[in-house]
Amino acid sequence: MVHKRAIKAWDADAEVVQRWVAYLRTHVLAGVGMKVTMWDRVPLGIGNAGILVEDDAINPMLVAPQEIKELGNQIIQDEMAAAEKQKPLT
């Protein structure tokens, strides 16, 4: 017989959750399995710090945000043109 329980802690302090999980792991009963999945949230725009580069020679994989926007617009235009070509004539 298998019993399952799920506990979800929304908007909890990360340190409190880590201490709680450590306590549960320390005091777990024999034969009881436990799986913990923790998700951390980061503020919006956290990825911009890695994108802004003064010199592209440092890492050619990193490009300026404007170039990313232009590439995205080009992809959208290409996809819309391809969709127009595939439309059946009615």
N, C-alpha and C. Protein backbone atom coordinates (compact mmCIF):
# COMPACT_ATOMS: atom_id res chain seq x y z
N MET A 1 0.84 -1.17 0.00
CA MET A 1 0.00 0.00 0.00
C MET A 1 0.89 1.24 0.00
N VAL A 2 0.56 2.21 -0.83
CA VAL A 2 1.36 3.42 -0.95
C VAL A 2 0.50 4.62 -0.58
N HIS A 3 1.02 5.43 0.30
CA HIS A 3 0.35 6.69 0.65
C HIS A 3 1.23 7.82 0.18
N LYS A 4 0.61 8.82 -0.44
CA LYS A 4 1.38 9.96 -0.92
C LYS A 4 0.82 11.23 -0.31
N ARG A 5 1.70 12.12 0.02
CA ARG A 5 1.32 13.43 0.53
C ARG A 5 2.18 14.47 -0.17
N ALA A 6 1.59 15.59 -0.48
CA ALA A 6 2.34 16.68 -1.11
C ALA A 6 2.15 17.93 -0.27
N ILE A 7 3.23 18.63 -0.06
CA ILE A 7 3.19 19.89 0.67
C ILE A 7 3.77 20.95 -0.25
N LYS A 8 3.03 22.01 -0.49
CA LYS A 8 3.51 23.10 -1.33
C LYS A 8 3.62 24.35 -0.47
N ALA A 9 4.78 24.94 -0.48
CA ALA A 9 5.03 26.16 0.30
C ALA A 9 5.26 27.30 -0.69
N TRP A 10 4.23 28.08 -0.95
CA TRP A 10 4.31 29.20 -1.90
C TRP A 10 4.82 30.44 -1.19
N ASP A 11 5.67 31.19 -1.86
CA ASP A 11 6.19 32.47 -1.36
C ASP A 11 6.80 32.34 0.03
N ALA A 12 7.46 31.22 0.29
CA ALA A 12 8.12 31.02 1.56
C ALA A 12 9.58 31.47 1.46
N ASP A 13 10.14 31.85 2.56
CA ASP A 13 11.54 32.24 2.61
C ASP A 13 12.40 31.02 2.32
N ALA A 14 13.35 31.15 1.41
CA ALA A 14 14.17 30.02 0.98
C ALA A 14 14.95 29.39 2.13
N GLU A 15 15.47 30.20 3.03
CA GLU A 15 16.25 29.67 4.15
C GLU A 15 15.37 28.85 5.09
N VAL A 16 14.14 29.31 5.31
CA VAL A 16 13.22 28.59 6.18
C VAL A 16 12.87 27.23 5.56
N VAL A 17 12.63 27.21 4.27
CA VAL A 17 12.29 25.95 3.59
C VAL A 17 13.47 24.99 3.65
N GLN A 18 14.69 25.49 3.43
CA GLN A 18 15.87 24.63 3.49
C GLN A 18 16.06 24.03 4.88
N ARG A 19 15.83 24.82 5.91
CA ARG A 19 15.96 24.30 7.27
C ARG A 19 14.87 23.28 7.57
N TRP A 20 13.67 23.53 7.07
CA TRP A 20 12.55 22.61 7.28
C TRP A 20 12.85 21.27 6.60
N VAL A 21 13.35 21.29 5.38
CA VAL A 21 13.69 20.06 4.65
C VAL A 21 14.82 19.33 5.37
N ALA A 22 15.81 20.05 5.86
CA ALA A 22 16.91 19.42 6.60
C ALA A 22 16.37 18.73 7.85
N TYR A 23 15.44 19.37 8.54
CA TYR A 23 14.84 18.78 9.74
C TYR A 23 14.09 17.49 9.37
N LEU A 24 13.29 17.56 8.30
CA LEU A 24 12.52 16.38 7.88
C LEU A 24 13.45 15.23 7.49
N ARG A 25 14.53 15.53 6.79
CA ARG A 25 15.47 14.48 6.39
C ARG A 25 16.18 13.87 7.60
N THR A 26 16.46 14.68 8.60
CA THR A 26 17.12 14.19 9.80
C THR A 26 16.20 13.26 10.59
N HIS A 27 14.91 13.59 10.63
CA HIS A 27 13.96 12.86 11.46
C HIS A 27 13.01 11.98 10.65
N VAL A 28 13.43 11.55 9.48
CA VAL A 28 12.58 10.71 8.64
C VAL A 28 12.44 9.32 9.26
N LEU A 29 11.26 8.74 9.12
CA LEU A 29 11.03 7.39 9.64
C LEU A 29 11.65 6.36 8.71
N ALA A 30 12.04 5.23 9.26
CA ALA A 30 12.64 4.16 8.47
C ALA A 30 11.62 3.65 7.46
N GLY A 31 12.06 3.49 6.22
CA GLY A 31 11.19 2.97 5.18
C GLY A 31 10.32 4.02 4.51
N VAL A 32 10.47 5.26 4.91
CA VAL A 32 9.67 6.33 4.31
C VAL A 32 10.56 7.09 3.33
N GLY A 33 10.14 7.12 2.08
CA GLY A 33 10.89 7.87 1.08
C GLY A 33 10.40 9.30 1.00
N MET A 34 11.30 10.19 0.65
CA MET A 34 10.92 11.59 0.57
C MET A 34 11.61 12.22 -0.64
N LYS A 35 10.84 12.96 -1.41
CA LYS A 35 11.38 13.67 -2.57
C LYS A 35 11.05 15.14 -2.40
N VAL A 36 12.05 15.99 -2.58
CA VAL A 36 11.86 17.43 -2.43
C VAL A 36 12.23 18.11 -3.74
N THR A 37 11.31 18.92 -4.25
CA THR A 37 11.59 19.73 -5.43
C THR A 37 11.43 21.18 -5.02
N MET A 38 12.51 21.94 -5.13
CA MET A 38 12.46 23.35 -4.75
C MET A 38 12.70 24.21 -5.99
N TRP A 39 11.90 25.23 -6.13
CA TRP A 39 12.01 26.18 -7.24
C TRP A 39 12.32 27.55 -6.67
N ASP A 40 13.34 28.18 -7.21
CA ASP A 40 13.68 29.54 -6.79
C ASP A 40 13.21 30.51 -7.87
N ARG A 41 12.67 31.60 -7.44
CA ARG A 41 12.23 32.63 -8.38
C ARG A 41 13.26 33.76 -8.37
N VAL A 42 13.49 34.31 -9.53
CA VAL A 42 14.42 35.42 -9.66
C VAL A 42 13.67 36.61 -10.24
N PRO A 43 14.11 37.81 -9.96
CA PRO A 43 13.41 38.98 -10.50
C PRO A 43 13.53 39.05 -12.02
N LEU A 44 12.57 39.70 -12.64
CA LEU A 44 12.60 39.88 -14.08
C LEU A 44 13.82 40.69 -14.48
N GLY A 45 14.39 40.37 -15.63
CA GLY A 45 15.54 41.11 -16.13
C GLY A 45 16.86 40.58 -15.63
N ILE A 46 16.86 39.47 -14.90
CA ILE A 46 18.11 38.95 -14.35
C ILE A 46 19.06 38.53 -15.45
N GLY A 47 18.52 38.13 -16.61
CA GLY A 47 19.37 37.69 -17.71
C GLY A 47 20.05 38.82 -18.45
N ASN A 48 19.59 40.05 -18.30
CA ASN A 48 20.17 41.17 -19.01
C ASN A 48 21.62 41.43 -18.62
N ALA A 49 21.99 41.07 -17.41
CA ALA A 49 23.36 41.32 -16.96
C ALA A 49 24.37 40.54 -17.79
N GLY A 50 24.00 39.35 -18.25
CA GLY A 50 24.91 38.54 -19.06
C GLY A 50 24.92 38.94 -20.52
N ILE A 51 23.90 39.69 -20.97
CA ILE A 51 23.80 40.05 -22.37
C ILE A 51 24.56 41.33 -22.68
N LEU A 52 24.57 42.26 -21.76
CA LEU A 52 25.21 43.54 -22.02
C LEU A 52 26.72 43.37 -22.03
N VAL A 53 27.31 43.52 -23.19
CA VAL A 53 28.76 43.33 -23.35
C VAL A 53 29.31 44.53 -24.11
N GLU A 54 30.37 45.11 -23.61
CA GLU A 54 31.01 46.24 -24.26
C GLU A 54 31.76 45.80 -25.51
N ASP A 55 32.46 44.67 -25.39
CA ASP A 55 33.33 44.22 -26.47
C ASP A 55 32.91 42.81 -26.87
N ASP A 56 32.44 42.65 -28.12
CA ASP A 56 31.99 41.34 -28.59
C ASP A 56 33.15 40.35 -28.73
N ALA A 57 34.38 40.84 -28.73
CA ALA A 57 35.53 39.95 -28.87
C ALA A 57 35.72 39.11 -27.60
N ILE A 58 35.16 39.57 -26.47
CA ILE A 58 35.30 38.82 -25.23
C ILE A 58 34.59 37.47 -25.37
N ASN A 59 33.35 37.50 -25.83
CA ASN A 59 32.58 36.28 -26.04
C ASN A 59 31.65 36.53 -27.21
N PRO A 60 31.95 35.98 -28.38
CA PRO A 60 31.12 36.26 -29.55
C PRO A 60 29.71 35.71 -29.44
N MET A 61 29.44 34.82 -28.48
CA MET A 61 28.08 34.29 -28.31
C MET A 61 27.15 35.32 -27.67
N LEU A 62 27.71 36.30 -26.96
CA LEU A 62 26.90 37.32 -26.32
C LEU A 62 26.75 38.51 -27.28
N VAL A 63 25.53 38.91 -27.53
CA VAL A 63 25.28 40.03 -28.43
C VAL A 63 24.45 41.06 -27.71
N ALA A 64 24.43 42.26 -28.26
CA ALA A 64 23.69 43.36 -27.64
C ALA A 64 22.19 43.11 -27.74
N PRO A 65 21.40 43.63 -26.79
CA PRO A 65 19.96 43.44 -26.81
C PRO A 65 19.29 43.94 -28.09
N GLN A 66 19.78 45.02 -28.69
CA GLN A 66 19.19 45.54 -29.91
C GLN A 66 19.33 44.53 -31.05
N GLU A 67 20.46 43.87 -31.13
CA GLU A 67 20.67 42.85 -32.15
C GLU A 67 19.72 41.67 -31.95
N ILE A 68 19.46 41.32 -30.72
CA ILE A 68 18.53 40.24 -30.42
C ILE A 68 17.13 40.62 -30.88
N LYS A 69 16.73 41.85 -30.60
CA LYS A 69 15.41 42.33 -31.01
C LYS A 69 15.28 42.33 -32.53
N GLU A 70 16.31 42.80 -33.23
CA GLU A 70 16.27 42.82 -34.69
C GLU A 70 16.18 41.40 -35.25
N LEU A 71 16.91 40.47 -34.68
CA LEU A 71 16.85 39.09 -35.12
C LEU A 71 15.46 38.50 -34.90
N GLY A 72 14.86 38.79 -33.75
CA GLY A 72 13.51 38.33 -33.46
C GLY A 72 12.50 38.87 -34.46
N ASN A 73 12.61 40.16 -34.79
CA ASN A 73 11.71 40.76 -35.78
C ASN A 73 11.89 40.12 -37.15
N GLN A 74 13.12 39.81 -37.53
CA GLN A 74 13.38 39.16 -38.81
C GLN A 74 12.76 37.77 -38.85
N ILE A 75 12.88 37.03 -37.75
CA ILE A 75 12.29 35.69 -37.69
C ILE A 75 10.77 35.77 -37.83
N ILE A 76 10.15 36.74 -37.16
CA ILE A 76 8.70 36.91 -37.25
C ILE A 76 8.29 37.22 -38.68
N GLN A 77 9.00 38.11 -39.34
CA GLN A 77 8.68 38.46 -40.72
C GLN A 77 8.83 37.25 -41.64
N ASP A 78 9.88 36.47 -41.47
CA ASP A 78 10.09 35.28 -42.29
C ASP A 78 8.97 34.25 -42.08
N GLU A 79 8.58 34.05 -40.84
CA GLU A 79 7.52 33.08 -40.53
C GLU A 79 6.18 33.53 -41.09
N MET A 80 5.89 34.83 -40.99
CA MET A 80 4.62 35.34 -41.52
C MET A 80 4.59 35.24 -43.05
N ALA A 81 5.72 35.48 -43.70
CA ALA A 81 5.79 35.36 -45.16
C ALA A 81 5.59 33.91 -45.57
N ALA A 82 6.19 32.98 -44.84
CA ALA A 82 6.03 31.56 -45.14
C ALA A 82 4.58 31.12 -44.93
N ALA A 83 3.92 31.65 -43.91
CA ALA A 83 2.52 31.30 -43.65
C ALA A 83 1.62 31.84 -44.74
N GLU A 84 1.92 33.02 -45.25
CA GLU A 84 1.13 33.61 -46.34
C GLU A 84 1.24 32.77 -47.60
N LYS A 85 2.42 32.24 -47.87
CA LYS A 85 2.63 31.40 -49.06
C LYS A 85 1.86 30.08 -48.96
N GLN A 86 1.68 29.58 -47.74
CA GLN A 86 1.02 28.29 -47.55
C GLN A 86 -0.49 28.41 -47.45
N LYS A 87 -1.03 29.62 -47.40
CA LYS A 87 -2.49 29.79 -47.29
C LYS A 87 -3.15 29.27 -48.56
N PRO A 88 -4.20 28.45 -48.40
CA PRO A 88 -4.92 27.99 -49.59
C PRO A 88 -5.81 29.11 -50.16
N LEU A 89 -5.90 29.17 -51.45
CA LEU A 89 -6.74 30.17 -52.09
C LEU A 89 -8.20 29.71 -52.01
N THR A 90 -9.07 30.56 -51.50
CA THR A 90 -10.49 30.19 -51.37
C THR A 90 -11.36 31.12 -52.18
